[in-house]
Protein backbone atom coordinates (compact mmCIF):
# COMPACT_ATOMS: atom_id res chain seq x y z
CA MET A 1 0.00 0.00 0.00
CA ALA A 2 1.28 3.48 -0.85
CA ASP A 3 2.01 5.84 1.99
CA ASN A 4 -0.36 8.74 2.63
CA GLU A 5 1.71 11.19 0.59
CA ASP A 6 1.03 9.16 -2.58
CA GLN A 7 -2.66 8.54 -1.90
CA SER A 8 -5.06 10.05 -4.43
CA TYR A 9 -8.65 11.05 -3.83
CA GLY A 10 -11.43 11.38 -6.39
CA VAL A 11 -13.07 14.78 -6.74
CA GLN A 12 -16.60 15.24 -8.07
CA VAL A 13 -19.02 18.10 -8.52
CA TYR A 14 -22.64 17.43 -7.67
CA VAL A 15 -24.95 19.64 -9.74
CA TYR A 16 -28.50 20.37 -8.61
CA ASP A 17 -31.35 22.30 -10.25
CA LEU A 18 -32.90 24.62 -7.67
CA SER A 19 -35.82 25.29 -10.02
CA ASN A 20 -36.75 21.61 -10.37
CA GLY A 21 -37.04 22.03 -14.13
CA LEU A 22 -38.96 25.32 -14.10
CA ALA A 23 -36.00 27.40 -15.37
CA ALA A 24 -35.98 25.44 -18.63
CA VAL A 25 -39.72 26.04 -19.09
CA TYR A 26 -40.05 29.69 -18.04
CA SER A 27 -36.66 31.33 -18.75
CA PRO A 28 -37.43 32.03 -22.43
CA MET A 29 -40.62 33.86 -21.44
CA ILE A 30 -39.22 35.71 -18.43
CA LEU A 31 -35.62 36.39 -19.49
CA GLY A 32 -35.69 35.93 -23.25
CA ILE A 33 -32.91 33.31 -23.04
CA ASN A 34 -32.87 29.56 -22.52
CA LEU A 35 -31.62 28.28 -19.17
CA ASP A 36 -31.32 24.58 -18.52
CA ALA A 37 -31.44 25.00 -14.74
CA ILE A 38 -30.71 27.25 -11.80
CA TYR A 39 -27.58 25.55 -10.59
CA HIS A 40 -26.44 24.74 -7.07
CA THR A 41 -23.14 22.87 -6.90
CA SER A 42 -21.05 21.16 -4.28
CA VAL A 43 -17.71 19.38 -4.17
CA VAL A 44 -17.55 15.75 -3.12
CA ILE A 45 -14.29 14.37 -1.75
CA TYR A 46 -13.44 11.92 1.08
CA ASN A 47 -17.09 10.72 0.90
CA LYS A 48 -18.25 14.17 2.07
CA GLU A 49 -20.20 16.87 0.25
CA HIS A 50 -18.91 20.44 0.73
CA TYR A 51 -21.13 23.41 -0.17
CA ILE A 52 -22.41 26.83 0.82
CA ASP A 53 -25.73 27.19 2.66
CA GLN A 54 -25.73 29.85 5.38
CA GLY A 55 -21.95 29.39 5.48
CA ILE A 56 -19.68 26.46 4.64
CA LYS A 57 -21.40 23.11 5.18
CA VAL A 58 -20.31 19.47 5.02
CA ASN A 59 -22.68 16.54 4.57
CA SER A 60 -21.91 12.84 4.69
CA PRO A 61 -22.77 10.74 2.85
CA PRO A 62 -22.95 12.86 -0.29
CA GLY A 63 -26.23 13.36 -2.14
CA TYR A 64 -28.43 13.70 0.95
CA THR A 65 -28.83 17.45 1.29
CA LYS A 66 -31.99 19.54 1.09
CA TYR A 67 -31.23 20.10 -2.61
CA GLY A 68 -32.59 16.70 -3.58
CA THR A 69 -30.97 14.44 -6.12
CA PRO A 70 -28.13 15.77 -8.29
CA ILE A 71 -29.11 16.22 -11.93
CA GLU A 72 -25.47 15.65 -12.90
CA ILE A 73 -22.25 14.42 -11.32
CA ILE A 74 -19.06 15.74 -12.91
CA ASP A 75 -15.83 13.81 -12.37
CA MET A 76 -13.03 16.35 -11.91
CA GLY A 77 -10.18 13.86 -11.56
CA ASP A 78 -7.99 13.07 -8.58
CA THR A 79 -6.09 15.09 -6.02
CA PHE A 80 -3.18 14.19 -3.77
CA ILE A 81 -4.30 16.68 -1.11
CA ASN A 82 -5.20 14.74 2.01
CA GLU A 83 -8.21 15.44 4.19
CA GLU A 84 -6.23 17.18 6.91
CA ILE A 85 -4.75 19.74 4.51
CA PHE A 86 -8.13 20.25 2.86
CA GLN A 87 -9.72 20.82 6.28
CA GLU A 88 -7.09 23.47 7.04
CA PHE A 89 -7.98 25.16 3.74
CA LEU A 90 -11.70 25.10 4.62
CA ASP A 91 -10.90 26.56 8.06
CA GLU A 92 -8.99 29.38 6.37
CA LEU A 93 -12.02 30.07 4.16
CA ARG A 94 -14.33 30.02 7.19
CA ASN A 95 -12.10 32.47 9.04
CA HIS A 96 -11.31 34.71 6.07
CA ASP A 97 -10.90 38.26 7.33
CA LYS A 98 -13.68 39.53 5.08
CA LEU A 99 -15.97 36.58 5.93
CA LYS A 100 -16.48 35.93 2.22
CA TYR A 101 -18.23 32.59 2.74
CA HIS A 102 -20.46 33.59 5.65
CA ALA A 103 -24.18 33.98 5.00
CA ILE A 104 -24.02 37.75 5.43
CA ASN A 105 -21.76 38.10 2.36
CA TYR A 106 -23.64 35.71 0.10
CA ASP A 107 -24.56 37.29 -3.22
CA LEU A 108 -26.76 35.45 -5.71
CA PHE A 109 -24.88 36.91 -8.66
CA ASP A 110 -21.30 37.52 -7.46
CA ASN A 111 -20.54 35.24 -4.47
CA ASN A 112 -22.68 32.12 -4.55
CA CYS A 113 -22.33 28.36 -4.09
CA ASN A 114 -20.89 27.94 -7.57
CA HIS A 115 -18.13 30.46 -6.89
CA PHE A 116 -17.30 28.51 -3.71
CA THR A 117 -17.21 25.25 -5.69
CA ASP A 118 -14.85 26.90 -8.18
CA VAL A 119 -12.44 27.91 -5.38
CA LEU A 120 -12.42 24.37 -3.98
CA LEU A 121 -11.81 22.85 -7.42
CA ASP A 122 -8.93 25.20 -8.09
CA PHE A 123 -7.33 24.21 -4.78
CA LEU A 124 -7.92 20.47 -5.15
CA VAL A 125 -7.36 19.78 -8.84
CA GLY A 126 -6.29 23.07 -10.45
CA LYS A 127 -9.46 23.16 -12.57
CA ASN A 128 -12.45 25.46 -12.81
CA LEU A 129 -16.16 24.81 -12.70
CA ASP A 130 -17.84 24.66 -16.11
CA ASP A 131 -18.55 28.13 -17.51
CA ARG A 132 -22.16 27.13 -18.27
CA ILE A 133 -22.65 26.95 -14.50
CA LEU A 134 -20.22 29.55 -13.20
CA LYS A 135 -21.19 32.29 -15.63
CA LEU A 136 -24.95 31.73 -15.52
CA PRO A 137 -25.61 34.70 -13.18
CA GLN A 138 -23.81 37.07 -15.53
CA GLN A 139 -25.76 35.64 -18.46
CA VAL A 140 -28.99 36.38 -16.58
CA LEU A 141 -27.80 39.87 -15.67
CA GLY A 142 -27.13 40.50 -19.36
CA THR A 143 -30.86 40.53 -20.01
CA PRO A 144 -33.18 43.47 -19.29
CA SER A 145 -35.27 41.26 -17.02
CA GLY A 146 -32.11 40.09 -15.26
CA GLN A 147 -31.28 43.63 -14.19
CA MET A 148 -34.80 44.05 -12.83
CA LEU A 149 -34.49 40.69 -11.06
CA ARG A 150 -31.27 41.82 -9.38
CA GLN A 151 -33.00 44.93 -8.07
CA MET A 152 -35.95 42.91 -6.79
CA ILE A 153 -33.92 40.20 -5.07
CA GLY A 154 -30.98 42.27 -3.94
CA ALA A 155 -27.83 40.44 -2.87
CA GLY A 156 -29.30 37.39 -1.18
CA GLY A 157 -32.58 36.09 -2.39
CA MET A 158 -33.75 32.53 -2.53
CA TYR A 159 -30.38 30.77 -2.48
CA ARG A 160 -29.48 31.39 1.12
């Protein structure tokens, strides 16, 4: 058996649709663009699911959060970062001097669960979350209705 320094760990992204299919039906009428889903993502590693929901959360086993069943699971490859080092990284994010990942600083468009997933992926595997997910808020904001939506919801909204 290889020693711990050579151990690799699989990294996955769980993708959920917060609209339960309604975004695909109503986005053309409301926004004038087609959206497949309103995405919530999490990172799964060490048989634990890491995500943002009123701060940084961890759930084990993966796939049993309030978000239901993932609509997609994306394999991001392997990492050699062990759980202890990853936990130290998460603790640094929790204690960030600007409290970026605390509920008070959540922003539906600029600092959401998908941005958090992107940071974790960069740390673990040096990859980014798919643009179709990560850039969805900016795509919505690029529509006239999206700007009105931002004003109505403000920074937080339904994703907290």
